[in-house]
Amino acid sequence: MPCFIFFTNVPATDLPDGFLLETSKVIAKAIRKPESYVTVRIHPGQMMTHGGTTEPCANSELQAIGHISAEENIQMSKEISEFLQQKLSIDPKRNYIKFTNMERFEVGYAGTTFAAL
């Protein structure tokens, strides 16, 4: 159930073709879960500042059941930041990623929760 929620001040017109689907693949690989479980929500063109400038920046959250830990978050942060720098020219120092470990009972799916599956 990984969900990557991405806010950026980069305009939608500057997102490269295929960015949404490529992001889905990057998140699946980073969190080591099947892409069929991954949701990506991109919110471009946000009114945002980071560090007192409006240069390209982002704020994101990766929610998942499992694979969220101090050691794993470091590697995922690196992979996601490098991807965003390559694709959107967002300096890794201009993107915060919040990692949220969800409990199985906190996530609804197919009319129930993951705890009941």
PDB file of N, CA and C in Angstrom:
ATOM      1  N   MET A   1       0.793  -1.197   0.000  1.00  0.00           N
ATOM      2  CA  MET A   1       0.000   0.000   0.000  1.00  0.00           C
ATOM      3  C   MET A   1       0.831   1.255   0.000  1.00  0.00           C
ATOM      4  N   PRO A   2       2.067   1.224  -0.389  1.00  0.00           N
ATOM      5  CA  PRO A   2       2.849   2.451  -0.358  1.00  0.00           C
ATOM      6  C   PRO A   2       2.160   3.582  -1.119  1.00  0.00           C
ATOM      7  N   CYS A   3       2.154   4.745  -0.508  1.00  0.00           N
ATOM      8  CA  CYS A   3       1.595   5.936  -1.136  1.00  0.00           C
ATOM      9  C   CYS A   3       2.638   7.042  -1.048  1.00  0.00           C
ATOM     10  N   PHE A   4       3.024   7.577  -2.197  1.00  0.00           N
ATOM     11  CA  PHE A   4       3.979   8.675  -2.263  1.00  0.00           C
ATOM     12  C   PHE A   4       3.214   9.925  -2.655  1.00  0.00           C
ATOM     13  N   ILE A   5       3.222  10.910  -1.764  1.00  0.00           N
ATOM     14  CA  ILE A   5       2.511  12.167  -1.977  1.00  0.00           C
ATOM     15  C   ILE A   5       3.577  13.244  -2.157  1.00  0.00           C
ATOM     16  N   PHE A   6       3.569  13.895  -3.311  1.00  0.00           N
ATOM     17  CA  PHE A   6       4.651  14.780  -3.711  1.00  0.00           C
ATOM     18  C   PHE A   6       4.120  16.165  -4.066  1.00  0.00           C
ATOM     19  N   PHE A   7       4.568  17.166  -3.314  1.00  0.00           N
ATOM     20  CA  PHE A   7       4.234  18.561  -3.574  1.00  0.00           C
ATOM     21  C   PHE A   7       5.483  19.271  -4.062  1.00  0.00           C
ATOM     22  N   THR A   8       5.356  20.048  -5.133  1.00  0.00           N
ATOM     23  CA  THR A   8       6.496  20.790  -5.651  1.00  0.00           C
ATOM     24  C   THR A   8       6.044  22.110  -6.270  1.00  0.00           C
ATOM     25  N   ASN A   9       6.972  23.069  -6.287  1.00  0.00           N
ATOM     26  CA  ASN A   9       6.681  24.325  -6.958  1.00  0.00           C
ATOM     27  C   ASN A   9       7.023  24.268  -8.445  1.00  0.00           C
ATOM     28  N   VAL A  10       7.559  23.157  -8.903  1.00  0.00           N
ATOM     29  CA  VAL A  10       7.825  22.975 -10.330  1.00  0.00           C
ATOM     30  C   VAL A  10       6.481  22.917 -11.061  1.00  0.00           C
ATOM     31  N   PRO A  11       6.290  23.751 -12.089  1.00  0.00           N
ATOM     32  CA  PRO A  11       5.005  23.748 -12.812  1.00  0.00           C
ATOM     33  C   PRO A  11       4.741  22.426 -13.520  1.00  0.00           C
ATOM     34  N   ALA A  12       3.476  22.095 -13.670  1.00  0.00           N
ATOM     35  CA  ALA A  12       3.087  20.854 -14.344  1.00  0.00           C
ATOM     36  C   ALA A  12       3.663  20.799 -15.759  1.00  0.00           C
ATOM     37  N   THR A  13       3.750  21.948 -16.420  1.00  0.00           N
ATOM     38  CA  THR A  13       4.278  21.983 -17.788  1.00  0.00           C
ATOM     39  C   THR A  13       5.760  21.620 -17.850  1.00  0.00           C
ATOM     40  N   ASP A  14       6.469  21.678 -16.707  1.00  0.00           N
ATOM     41  CA  ASP A  14       7.891  21.326 -16.671  1.00  0.00           C
ATOM     42  C   ASP A  14       8.151  19.888 -16.242  1.00  0.00           C
ATOM     43  N   LEU A  15       7.098  19.141 -15.931  1.00  0.00           N
ATOM     44  CA  LEU A  15       7.273  17.729 -15.597  1.00  0.00           C
ATOM     45  C   LEU A  15       7.532  16.961 -16.889  1.00  0.00           C
ATOM     46  N   PRO A  16       8.563  16.137 -16.917  1.00  0.00           N
ATOM     47  CA  PRO A  16       8.842  15.397 -18.153  1.00  0.00           C
ATOM     48  C   PRO A  16       7.746  14.376 -18.466  1.00  0.00           C
ATOM     49  N   ASP A  17       7.605  14.076 -19.744  1.00  0.00           N
ATOM     50  CA  ASP A  17       6.651  13.047 -20.156  1.00  0.00           C
ATOM     51  C   ASP A  17       6.941  11.752 -19.399  1.00  0.00           C
ATOM     52  N   GLY A  18       5.905  11.124 -18.910  1.00  0.00           N
ATOM     53  CA  GLY A  18       6.052   9.850 -18.219  1.00  0.00           C
ATOM     54  C   GLY A  18       6.499   9.964 -16.769  1.00  0.00           C
ATOM     55  N   PHE A  19       6.573  11.188 -16.243  1.00  0.00           N
ATOM     56  CA  PHE A  19       7.087  11.382 -14.882  1.00  0.00           C
ATOM     57  C   PHE A  19       6.262  10.625 -13.842  1.00  0.00           C
ATOM     58  N   LEU A  20       4.951  10.641 -13.962  1.00  0.00           N
ATOM     59  CA  LEU A  20       4.085   9.972 -12.986  1.00  0.00           C
ATOM     60  C   LEU A  20       4.382   8.468 -12.931  1.00  0.00           C
ATOM     61  N   LEU A  21       4.402   7.821 -14.082  1.00  0.00           N
ATOM     62  CA  LEU A  21       4.630   6.372 -14.106  1.00  0.00           C
ATOM     63  C   LEU A  21       6.064   6.019 -13.727  1.00  0.00           C
ATOM     64  N   GLU A  22       7.018   6.858 -14.114  1.00  0.00           N
ATOM     65  CA  GLU A  22       8.406   6.605 -13.726  1.00  0.00           C
ATOM     66  C   GLU A  22       8.572   6.744 -12.213  1.00  0.00           C
ATOM     67  N   THR A  23       7.890   7.708 -11.618  1.00  0.00           N
ATOM     68  CA  THR A  23       7.937   7.885 -10.164  1.00  0.00           C
ATOM     69  C   THR A  23       7.384   6.653  -9.460  1.00  0.00           C
ATOM     70  N   SER A  24       6.324   6.084  -9.991  1.00  0.00           N
ATOM     71  CA  SER A  24       5.741   4.869  -9.412  1.00  0.00           C
ATOM     72  C   SER A  24       6.771   3.742  -9.379  1.00  0.00           C
ATOM     73  N   LYS A  25       7.511   3.585 -10.449  1.00  0.00           N
ATOM     74  CA  LYS A  25       8.537   2.535 -10.512  1.00  0.00           C
ATOM     75  C   LYS A  25       9.670   2.800  -9.516  1.00  0.00           C
ATOM     76  N   VAL A  26      10.088   4.054  -9.391  1.00  0.00           N
ATOM     77  CA  VAL A  26      11.160   4.417  -8.458  1.00  0.00           C
ATOM     78  C   VAL A  26      10.729   4.129  -7.028  1.00  0.00           C
ATOM     79  N   ILE A  27       9.499   4.480  -6.679  1.00  0.00           N
ATOM     80  CA  ILE A  27       9.000   4.250  -5.322  1.00  0.00           C
ATOM     81  C   ILE A  27       8.903   2.753  -5.039  1.00  0.00           C
ATOM     82  N   ALA A  28       8.378   1.992  -5.965  1.00  0.00           N
ATOM     83  CA  ALA A  28       8.267   0.537  -5.771  1.00  0.00           C
ATOM     84  C   ALA A  28       9.644  -0.085  -5.538  1.00  0.00           C
ATOM     85  N   LYS A  29      10.608   0.313  -6.330  1.00  0.00           N
ATOM     86  CA  LYS A  29      11.963  -0.226  -6.174  1.00  0.00           C
ATOM     87  C   LYS A  29      12.559   0.201  -4.836  1.00  0.00           C
ATOM     88  N   ALA A  30      12.393   1.480  -4.485  1.00  0.00           N
ATOM     89  CA  ALA A  30      12.984   2.001  -3.246  1.00  0.00           C
ATOM     90  C   ALA A  30      12.419   1.297  -2.018  1.00  0.00           C
ATOM     91  N   ILE A  31      11.113   1.070  -2.014  1.00  0.00           N
ATOM     92  CA  ILE A  31      10.492   0.490  -0.823  1.00  0.00           C
ATOM     93  C   ILE A  31      10.382  -1.039  -0.900  1.00  0.00           C
ATOM     94  N   ARG A  32      10.809  -1.580  -2.036  1.00  0.00           N
ATOM     95  CA  ARG A  32      10.848  -3.031  -2.207  1.00  0.00           C
ATOM     96  C   ARG A  32       9.467  -3.681  -2.069  1.00  0.00           C
ATOM     97  N   LYS A  33       8.513  -3.080  -2.759  1.00  0.00           N
ATOM     98  CA  LYS A  33       7.153  -3.632  -2.790  1.00  0.00           C
ATOM     99  C   LYS A  33       6.705  -3.664  -4.247  1.00  0.00           C
ATOM    100  N   PRO A  34       5.768  -4.540  -4.602  1.00  0.00           N
ATOM    101  CA  PRO A  34       5.295  -4.600  -5.989  1.00  0.00           C
ATOM    102  C   PRO A  34       4.667  -3.270  -6.420  1.00  0.00           C
ATOM    103  N   GLU A  35       4.969  -2.864  -7.634  1.00  0.00           N
ATOM    104  CA  GLU A  35       4.405  -1.608  -8.134  1.00  0.00           C
ATOM    105  C   GLU A  35       2.877  -1.649  -8.157  1.00  0.00           C
ATOM    106  N   SER A  36       2.288  -2.835  -8.271  1.00  0.00           N
ATOM    107  CA  SER A  36       0.827  -2.957  -8.296  1.00  0.00           C
ATOM    108  C   SER A  36       0.189  -2.455  -7.001  1.00  0.00           C
ATOM    109  N   TYR A  37       0.969  -2.306  -5.925  1.00  0.00           N
ATOM    110  CA  TYR A  37       0.453  -1.793  -4.653  1.00  0.00           C
ATOM    111  C   TYR A  37       0.696  -0.297  -4.483  1.00  0.00           C
ATOM    112  N   VAL A  38       1.500   0.322  -5.343  1.00  0.00           N
ATOM    113  CA  VAL A  38       1.965   1.697  -5.156  1.00  0.00           C
ATOM    114  C   VAL A  38       0.978   2.719  -5.712  1.00  0.00           C
ATOM    115  N   THR A  39       0.738   3.767  -4.925  1.00  0.00           N
ATOM    116  CA  THR A  39      -0.015   4.928  -5.370  1.00  0.00           C
ATOM    117  C   THR A  39       0.914   6.129  -5.330  1.00  0.00           C
ATOM    118  N   VAL A  40       0.867   6.951  -6.386  1.00  0.00           N
ATOM    119  CA  VAL A  40       1.661   8.186  -6.438  1.00  0.00           C
ATOM    120  C   VAL A  40       0.704   9.340  -6.710  1.00  0.00           C
ATOM    121  N   ARG A  41       0.800  10.370  -5.889  1.00  0.00           N
ATOM    122  CA  ARG A  41       0.014  11.598  -6.089  1.00  0.00           C
ATOM    123  C   ARG A  41       0.988  12.751  -6.240  1.00  0.00           C
ATOM    124  N   ILE A  42       0.911  13.459  -7.354  1.00  0.00           N
ATOM    125  CA  ILE A  42       1.817  14.563  -7.629  1.00  0.00           C
ATOM    126  C   ILE A  42       1.013  15.853  -7.669  1.00  0.00           C
ATOM    127  N   HIS A  43       1.493  16.837  -6.916  1.00  0.00           N
ATOM    128  CA  HIS A  43       0.852  18.147  -6.842  1.00  0.00           C
ATOM    129  C   HIS A  43       1.864  19.190  -7.318  1.00  0.00           C
ATOM    130  N   PRO A  44       1.943  19.429  -8.642  1.00  0.00           N
ATOM    131  CA  PRO A  44       2.895  20.410  -9.159  1.00  0.00           C
ATOM    132  C   PRO A  44       2.359  21.833  -9.029  1.00  0.00           C
ATOM    133  N   GLY A  45       3.234  22.792  -9.282  1.00  0.00           N
ATOM    134  CA  GLY A  45       2.820  24.193  -9.337  1.00  0.00           C
ATOM    135  C   GLY A  45       2.374  24.778  -8.006  1.00  0.00           C
ATOM    136  N   GLN A  46       2.850  24.233  -6.903  1.00  0.00           N
ATOM    137  CA  GLN A  46       2.466  24.732  -5.583  1.00  0.00           C
ATOM    138  C   GLN A  46       3.175  26.050  -5.289  1.00  0.00           C
ATOM    139  N   MET A  47       2.522  26.896  -4.541  1.00  0.00           N
ATOM    140  CA  MET A  47       3.174  28.112  -4.060  1.00  0.00           C
ATOM    141  C   MET A  47       4.040  27.682  -2.880  1.00  0.00           C
ATOM    142  N   MET A  48       5.349  27.568  -3.111  1.00  0.00           N
ATOM    143  CA  MET A  48       6.256  27.038  -2.094  1.00  0.00           C
ATOM    144  C   MET A  48       7.545  27.835  -2.062  1.00  0.00           C
ATOM    145  N   THR A  49       8.096  27.914  -0.878  1.00  0.00           N
ATOM    146  CA  THR A  49       9.438  28.439  -0.700  1.00  0.00           C
ATOM    147  C   THR A  49      10.181  27.479   0.214  1.00  0.00           C
ATOM    148  N   HIS A  50      11.477  27.410   0.036  1.00  0.00           N
ATOM    149  CA  HIS A  50      12.325  26.587   0.896  1.00  0.00           C
ATOM    150  C   HIS A  50      13.627  27.355   1.066  1.00  0.00           C
ATOM    151  N   GLY A  51      14.014  27.577   2.305  1.00  0.00           N
ATOM    152  CA  GLY A  51      15.262  28.282   2.567  1.00  0.00           C
ATOM    153  C   GLY A  51      15.256  29.728   2.103  1.00  0.00           C
ATOM    154  N   GLY A  52      14.084  30.319   2.010  1.00  0.00           N
ATOM    155  CA  GLY A  52      13.987  31.730   1.651  1.00  0.00           C
ATOM    156  C   GLY A  52      14.049  32.025   0.164  1.00  0.00           C
ATOM    157  N   THR A  53      13.977  30.971  -0.691  1.00  0.00           N
ATOM    158  CA  THR A  53      13.949  31.202  -2.139  1.00  0.00           C
ATOM    159  C   THR A  53      12.828  30.373  -2.752  1.00  0.00           C
ATOM    160  N   THR A  54      12.506  30.708  -3.979  1.00  0.00           N
ATOM    161  CA  THR A  54      11.487  29.943  -4.704  1.00  0.00           C
ATOM    162  C   THR A  54      12.112  29.080  -5.804  1.00  0.00           C
ATOM    163  N   GLU A  55      13.400  28.797  -5.680  1.00  0.00           N
ATOM    164  CA  GLU A  55      14.036  27.846  -6.592  1.00  0.00           C
ATOM    165  C   GLU A  55      13.299  26.505  -6.461  1.00  0.00           C
ATOM    166  N   PRO A  56      13.442  25.605  -7.447  1.00  0.00           N
ATOM    167  CA  PRO A  56      12.718  24.334  -7.367  1.00  0.00           C
ATOM    168  C   PRO A  56      12.905  23.646  -6.007  1.00  0.00           C
ATOM    169  N   CYS A  57      11.784  23.262  -5.419  1.00  0.00           N
ATOM    170  CA  CYS A  57      11.806  22.580  -4.128  1.00  0.00           C
ATOM    171  C   CYS A  57      10.624  21.631  -4.059  1.00  0.00           C
ATOM    172  N   ALA A  58      10.617  20.818  -3.016  1.00  0.00           N
ATOM    173  CA  ALA A  58       9.539  19.850  -2.864  1.00  0.00           C
ATOM    174  C   ALA A  58       9.373  19.484  -1.398  1.00  0.00           C
ATOM    175  N   ASN A  59       8.238  18.891  -1.128  1.00  0.00           N
ATOM    176  CA  ASN A  59       7.931  18.331   0.180  1.00  0.00           C
ATOM    177  C   ASN A  59       7.121  17.082  -0.116  1.00  0.00           C
ATOM    178  N   SER A  60       7.530  15.962   0.455  1.00  0.00           N
ATOM    179  CA  SER A  60       6.849  14.729   0.117  1.00  0.00           C
ATOM    180  C   SER A  60       6.680  13.837   1.334  1.00  0.00           C
ATOM    181  N   GLU A  61       5.816  12.846   1.163  1.00  0.00           N
ATOM    182  CA  GLU A  61       5.587  11.866   2.221  1.00  0.00           C
ATOM    183  C   GLU A  61       5.489  10.493   1.583  1.00  0.00           C
ATOM    184  N   LEU A  62       6.142   9.533   2.200  1.00  0.00           N
ATOM    185  CA  LEU A  62       6.038   8.143   1.777  1.00  0.00           C
ATOM    186  C   LEU A  62       5.392   7.367   2.911  1.00  0.00           C
ATOM    187  N   GLN A  63       4.173   6.896   2.662  1.00  0.00           N
ATOM    188  CA  GLN A  63       3.422   6.113   3.637  1.00  0.00           C
ATOM    189  C   GLN A  63       3.478   4.651   3.214  1.00  0.00           C
ATOM    190  N   ALA A  64       3.657   3.771   4.186  1.00  0.00           N
ATOM    191  CA  ALA A  64       3.686   2.345   3.860  1.00  0.00           C
ATOM    192  C   ALA A  64       3.462   1.509   5.110  1.00  0.00           C
ATOM    193  N   ILE A  65       3.099   0.267   4.879  1.00  0.00           N
ATOM    194  CA  ILE A  65       3.040  -0.723   5.949  1.00  0.00           C
ATOM    195  C   ILE A  65       4.366  -1.476   5.858  1.00  0.00           C
ATOM    196  N   GLY A  66       5.243  -1.223   6.787  1.00  0.00           N
ATOM    197  CA  GLY A  66       6.546  -1.880   6.785  1.00  0.00           C
ATOM    198  C   GLY A  66       7.557  -1.208   5.872  1.00  0.00           C
ATOM    199  N   HIS A  67       8.783  -1.630   5.990  1.00  0.00           N
ATOM    200  CA  HIS A  67       9.924  -1.095   5.235  1.00  0.00           C
ATOM    201  C   HIS A  67      10.179   0.375   5.539  1.00  0.00           C
ATOM    202  N   ILE A  68       9.697   0.858   6.653  1.00  0.00           N
ATOM    203  CA  ILE A  68       9.967   2.221   7.104  1.00  0.00           C
ATOM    204  C   ILE A  68      10.761   2.082   8.398  1.00  0.00           C
ATOM    205  N   SER A  69      12.048   2.387   8.313  1.00  0.00           N
ATOM    206  CA  SER A  69      12.916   2.305   9.490  1.00  0.00           C
ATOM    207  C   SER A  69      14.076   3.265   9.296  1.00  0.00           C
ATOM    208  N   ALA A  70      14.808   3.528  10.364  1.00  0.00           N
ATOM    209  CA  ALA A  70      15.918   4.483  10.302  1.00  0.00           C
ATOM    210  C   ALA A  70      16.898   4.121   9.187  1.00  0.00           C
ATOM    211  N   GLU A  71      17.300   2.872   9.119  1.00  0.00           N
ATOM    212  CA  GLU A  71      18.275   2.464   8.102  1.00  0.00           C
ATOM    213  C   GLU A  71      17.676   2.496   6.696  1.00  0.00           C
ATOM    214  N   GLU A  72      16.474   1.951   6.538  1.00  0.00           N
ATOM    215  CA  GLU A  72      15.845   1.912   5.214  1.00  0.00           C
ATOM    216  C   GLU A  72      15.514   3.306   4.710  1.00  0.00           C
ATOM    217  N   ASN A  73      15.117   4.212   5.607  1.00  0.00           N
ATOM    218  CA  ASN A  73      14.747   5.565   5.195  1.00  0.00           C
ATOM    219  C   ASN A  73      15.933   6.310   4.591  1.00  0.00           C
ATOM    220  N   ILE A  74      17.129   6.056   5.099  1.00  0.00           N
ATOM    221  CA  ILE A  74      18.321   6.717   4.555  1.00  0.00           C
ATOM    222  C   ILE A  74      18.499   6.337   3.083  1.00  0.00           C
ATOM    223  N   GLN A  75      18.412   5.053   2.791  1.00  0.00           N
ATOM    224  CA  GLN A  75      18.596   4.600   1.409  1.00  0.00           C
ATOM    225  C   GLN A  75      17.468   5.105   0.512  1.00  0.00           C
ATOM    226  N   MET A  76      16.220   5.043   1.003  1.00  0.00           N
ATOM    227  CA  MET A  76      15.100   5.518   0.188  1.00  0.00           C
ATOM    228  C   MET A  76      15.206   7.011  -0.053  1.00  0.00           C
ATOM    229  N   SER A  77      15.611   7.766   0.959  1.00  0.00           N
ATOM    230  CA  SER A  77      15.782   9.211   0.802  1.00  0.00           C
ATOM    231  C   SER A  77      16.799   9.513  -0.293  1.00  0.00           C
ATOM    232  N   LYS A  78      17.890   8.763  -0.291  1.00  0.00           N
ATOM    233  CA  LYS A  78      18.932   8.942  -1.310  1.00  0.00           C
ATOM    234  C   LYS A  78      18.382   8.646  -2.706  1.00  0.00           C
ATOM    235  N   GLU A  79      17.714   7.517  -2.866  1.00  0.00           N
ATOM    236  CA  GLU A  79      17.195   7.121  -4.180  1.00  0.00           C
ATOM    237  C   GLU A  79      16.152   8.112  -4.701  1.00  0.00           C
ATOM    238  N   ILE A  80      15.232   8.507  -3.839  1.00  0.00           N
ATOM    239  CA  ILE A  80      14.179   9.443  -4.249  1.00  0.00           C
ATOM    240  C   ILE A  80      14.774  10.809  -4.570  1.00  0.00           C
ATOM    241  N   SER A  81      15.686  11.286  -3.729  1.00  0.00           N
ATOM    242  CA  SER A  81      16.299  12.598  -3.945  1.00  0.00           C
ATOM    243  C   SER A  81      17.097  12.635  -5.243  1.00  0.00           C
ATOM    244  N   GLU A  82      17.844  11.580  -5.528  1.00  0.00           N
ATOM    245  CA  GLU A  82      18.623  11.529  -6.775  1.00  0.00           C
ATOM    246  C   GLU A  82      17.694  11.534  -7.990  1.00  0.00           C
ATOM    247  N   PHE A  83      16.583  10.819  -7.906  1.00  0.00           N
ATOM    248  CA  PHE A  83      15.605  10.795  -8.989  1.00  0.00           C
ATOM    249  C   PHE A  83      15.028  12.190  -9.226  1.00  0.00           C
ATOM    250  N   LEU A  84      14.635  12.870  -8.144  1.00  0.00           N
ATOM    251  CA  LEU A  84      14.038  14.202  -8.281  1.00  0.00           C
ATOM    252  C   LEU A  84      15.050  15.218  -8.801  1.00  0.00           C
ATOM    253  N   GLN A  85      16.297  15.063  -8.422  1.00  0.00           N
ATOM    254  CA  GLN A  85      17.331  15.966  -8.931  1.00  0.00           C
ATOM    255  C   GLN A  85      17.532  15.734 -10.434  1.00  0.00           C
ATOM    256  N   GLN A  86      17.574  14.477 -10.828  1.00  0.00           N
ATOM    257  CA  GLN A  86      17.780  14.140 -12.233  1.00  0.00           C
ATOM    258  C   GLN A  86      16.608  14.600 -13.096  1.00  0.00           C
ATOM    259  N   LYS A  87      15.395  14.370 -12.638  1.00  0.00           N
ATOM    260  CA  LYS A  87      14.212  14.643 -13.464  1.00  0.00           C
ATOM    261  C   LYS A  87      13.700  16.076 -13.380  1.00  0.00           C
ATOM    262  N   LEU A  88      13.805  16.706 -12.179  1.00  0.00           N
ATOM    263  CA  LEU A  88      13.201  18.028 -11.981  1.00  0.00           C
ATOM    264  C   LEU A  88      14.190  19.099 -11.537  1.00  0.00           C
ATOM    265  N   SER A  89      15.462  18.749 -11.452  1.00  0.00           N
ATOM    266  CA  SER A  89      16.506  19.685 -10.998  1.00  0.00           C
ATOM    267  C   SER A  89      16.234  20.218  -9.590  1.00  0.00           C
ATOM    268  N   ILE A  90      15.658  19.370  -8.741  1.00  0.00           N
ATOM    269  CA  ILE A  90      15.434  19.751  -7.345  1.00  0.00           C
ATOM    270  C   ILE A  90      16.649  19.295  -6.545  1.00  0.00           C
ATOM    271  N   ASP A  91      17.366  20.254  -5.993  1.00  0.00           N
ATOM    272  CA  ASP A  91      18.525  19.959  -5.158  1.00  0.00           C
ATOM    273  C   ASP A  91      18.061  19.087  -3.988  1.00  0.00           C
ATOM    274  N   PRO A  92      18.759  17.995  -3.673  1.00  0.00           N
ATOM    275  CA  PRO A  92      18.354  17.133  -2.557  1.00  0.00           C
ATOM    276  C   PRO A  92      18.220  17.871  -1.230  1.00  0.00           C
ATOM    277  N   LYS A  93      18.893  19.007  -1.092  1.00  0.00           N
ATOM    278  CA  LYS A  93      18.778  19.802   0.136  1.00  0.00           C
ATOM    279  C   LYS A  93      17.521  20.665   0.137  1.00  0.00           C
ATOM    280  N   ARG A  94      16.725  20.568  -0.933  1.00  0.00           N
ATOM    281  CA  ARG A  94      15.503  21.375  -1.038  1.00  0.00           C
ATOM    282  C   ARG A  94      14.251  20.492  -1.096  1.00  0.00           C
ATOM    283  N   ASN A  95      14.335  19.310  -0.504  1.00  0.00           N
ATOM    284  CA  ASN A  95      13.193  18.401  -0.444  1.00  0.00           C
ATOM    285  C   ASN A  95      13.225  17.646   0.873  1.00  0.00           C
ATOM    286  N   TYR A  96      12.189  17.806   1.658  1.00  0.00           N
ATOM    287  CA  TYR A  96      12.026  17.002   2.857  1.00  0.00           C
ATOM    288  C   TYR A  96      11.097  15.844   2.529  1.00  0.00           C
ATOM    289  N   ILE A  97      11.420  14.663   3.030  1.00  0.00           N
ATOM    290  CA  ILE A  97      10.567  13.482   2.851  1.00  0.00           C
ATOM    291  C   ILE A  97      10.148  13.002   4.239  1.00  0.00           C
ATOM    292  N   LYS A  98       8.861  12.946   4.455  1.00  0.00           N
ATOM    293  CA  LYS A  98       8.335  12.402   5.704  1.00  0.00           C
ATOM    294  C   LYS A  98       7.996  10.930   5.465  1.00  0.00           C
ATOM    295  N   PHE A  99       8.581  10.060   6.271  1.00  0.00           N
ATOM    296  CA  PHE A  99       8.311   8.632   6.179  1.00  0.00           C
ATOM    297  C   PHE A  99       7.294   8.265   7.257  1.00  0.00           C
ATOM    298  N   THR A 100       6.196   7.665   6.848  1.00  0.00           N
ATOM    299  CA  THR A 100       5.133   7.298   7.782  1.00  0.00           C
ATOM    300  C   THR A 100       4.879   5.800   7.698  1.00  0.00           C
ATOM    301  N   ASN A 101       5.128   5.113   8.810  1.00  0.00           N
ATOM    302  CA  ASN A 101       4.862   3.680   8.896  1.00  0.00           C
ATOM    303  C   ASN A 101       3.433   3.479   9.382  1.00  0.00           C
ATOM    304  N   MET A 102       2.606   2.933   8.526  1.00  0.00           N
ATOM    305  CA  MET A 102       1.208   2.711   8.866  1.00  0.00           C
ATOM    306  C   MET A 102       1.046   1.317   9.468  1.00  0.00           C
ATOM    307  N   GLU A 103       0.128   1.200  10.400  1.00  0.00           N
ATOM    308  CA  GLU A 103      -0.242  -0.107  10.943  1.00  0.00           C
ATOM    309  C   GLU A 103      -1.273  -0.734  10.006  1.00  0.00           C
ATOM    310  N   ARG A 104      -1.301  -2.046   9.954  1.00  0.00           N
ATOM    311  CA  ARG A 104      -2.205  -2.739   9.027  1.00  0.00           C
ATOM    312  C   ARG A 104      -3.670  -2.350   9.232  1.00  0.00           C
ATOM    313  N   PHE A 105      -4.073  -2.129  10.469  1.00  0.00           N
ATOM    314  CA  PHE A 105      -5.466  -1.780  10.750  1.00  0.00           C
ATOM    315  C   PHE A 105      -5.802  -0.342  10.353  1.00  0.00           C
ATOM    316  N   GLU A 106      -4.796   0.477  10.079  1.00  0.00           N
ATOM    317  CA  GLU A 106      -5.010   1.878   9.722  1.00  0.00           C
ATOM    318  C   GLU A 106      -5.273   2.093   8.231  1.00  0.00           C
ATOM    319  N   VAL A 107      -5.191   1.028   7.439  1.00  0.00           N
ATOM    320  CA  VAL A 107      -5.316   1.173   5.992  1.00  0.00           C
ATOM    321  C   VAL A 107      -6.473   0.318   5.484  1.00  0.00           C
ATOM    322  N   GLY A 108      -7.488   1.003   4.942  1.00  0.00           N
ATOM    323  CA  GLY A 108      -8.617   0.302   4.358  1.00  0.00           C
ATOM    324  C   GLY A 108      -8.281  -0.198   2.971  1.00  0.00           C
ATOM    325  N   TYR A 109      -8.811  -1.374   2.622  1.00  0.00           N
ATOM    326  CA  TYR A 109      -8.556  -1.961   1.308  1.00  0.00           C
ATOM    327  C   TYR A 109      -9.631  -2.992   1.010  1.00  0.00           C
ATOM    328  N   ALA A 110     -10.241  -2.886  -0.144  1.00  0.00           N
ATOM    329  CA  ALA A 110     -11.225  -3.868  -0.638  1.00  0.00           C
ATOM    330  C   ALA A 110     -12.348  -4.100   0.378  1.00  0.00           C
ATOM    331  N   GLY A 111     -12.830  -3.012   0.988  1.00  0.00           N
ATOM    332  CA  GLY A 111     -13.943  -3.123   1.916  1.00  0.00           C
ATOM    333  C   GLY A 111     -13.581  -3.630   3.305  1.00  0.00           C
ATOM    334  N   THR A 112     -12.296  -3.715   3.603  1.00  0.00           N
ATOM    335  CA  THR A 112     -11.850  -4.166   4.904  1.00  0.00           C
ATOM    336  C   THR A 112     -10.555  -3.399   5.218  1.00  0.00           C
ATOM    337  N   THR A 113      -9.696  -3.961   6.027  1.00  0.00           N
ATOM    338  CA  THR A 113      -8.379  -3.378   6.245  1.00  0.00           C
ATOM    339  C   THR A 113      -7.329  -4.450   6.000  1.00  0.00           C
ATOM    340  N   PHE A 114      -6.076  -4.025   5.891  1.00  0.00           N
ATOM    341  CA  PHE A 114      -5.005  -5.008   5.702  1.00  0.00           C
ATOM    342  C   PHE A 114      -4.869  -5.923   6.916  1.00  0.00           C
ATOM    343  N   ALA A 115      -5.329  -5.490   8.083  1.00  0.00           N
ATOM    344  CA  ALA A 115      -5.257  -6.334   9.279  1.00  0.00           C
ATOM    345  C   ALA A 115      -6.147  -7.568   9.149  1.00  0.00           C
ATOM    346  N   ALA A 116      -7.235  -7.419   8.398  1.00  0.00           N
ATOM    347  CA  ALA A 116      -8.184  -8.525   8.263  1.00  0.00           C
ATOM    348  C   ALA A 116      -7.801  -9.491   7.139  1.00  0.00           C
ATOM    349  N   LEU A 117      -6.811  -9.117   6.362  1.00  0.00           N
ATOM    350  CA  LEU A 117      -6.442  -9.984   5.216  1.00  0.00           C
ATOM    351  C   LEU A 117      -5.460 -11.053   5.633  1.00  0.00           C
TER     352      LEU A 117
END
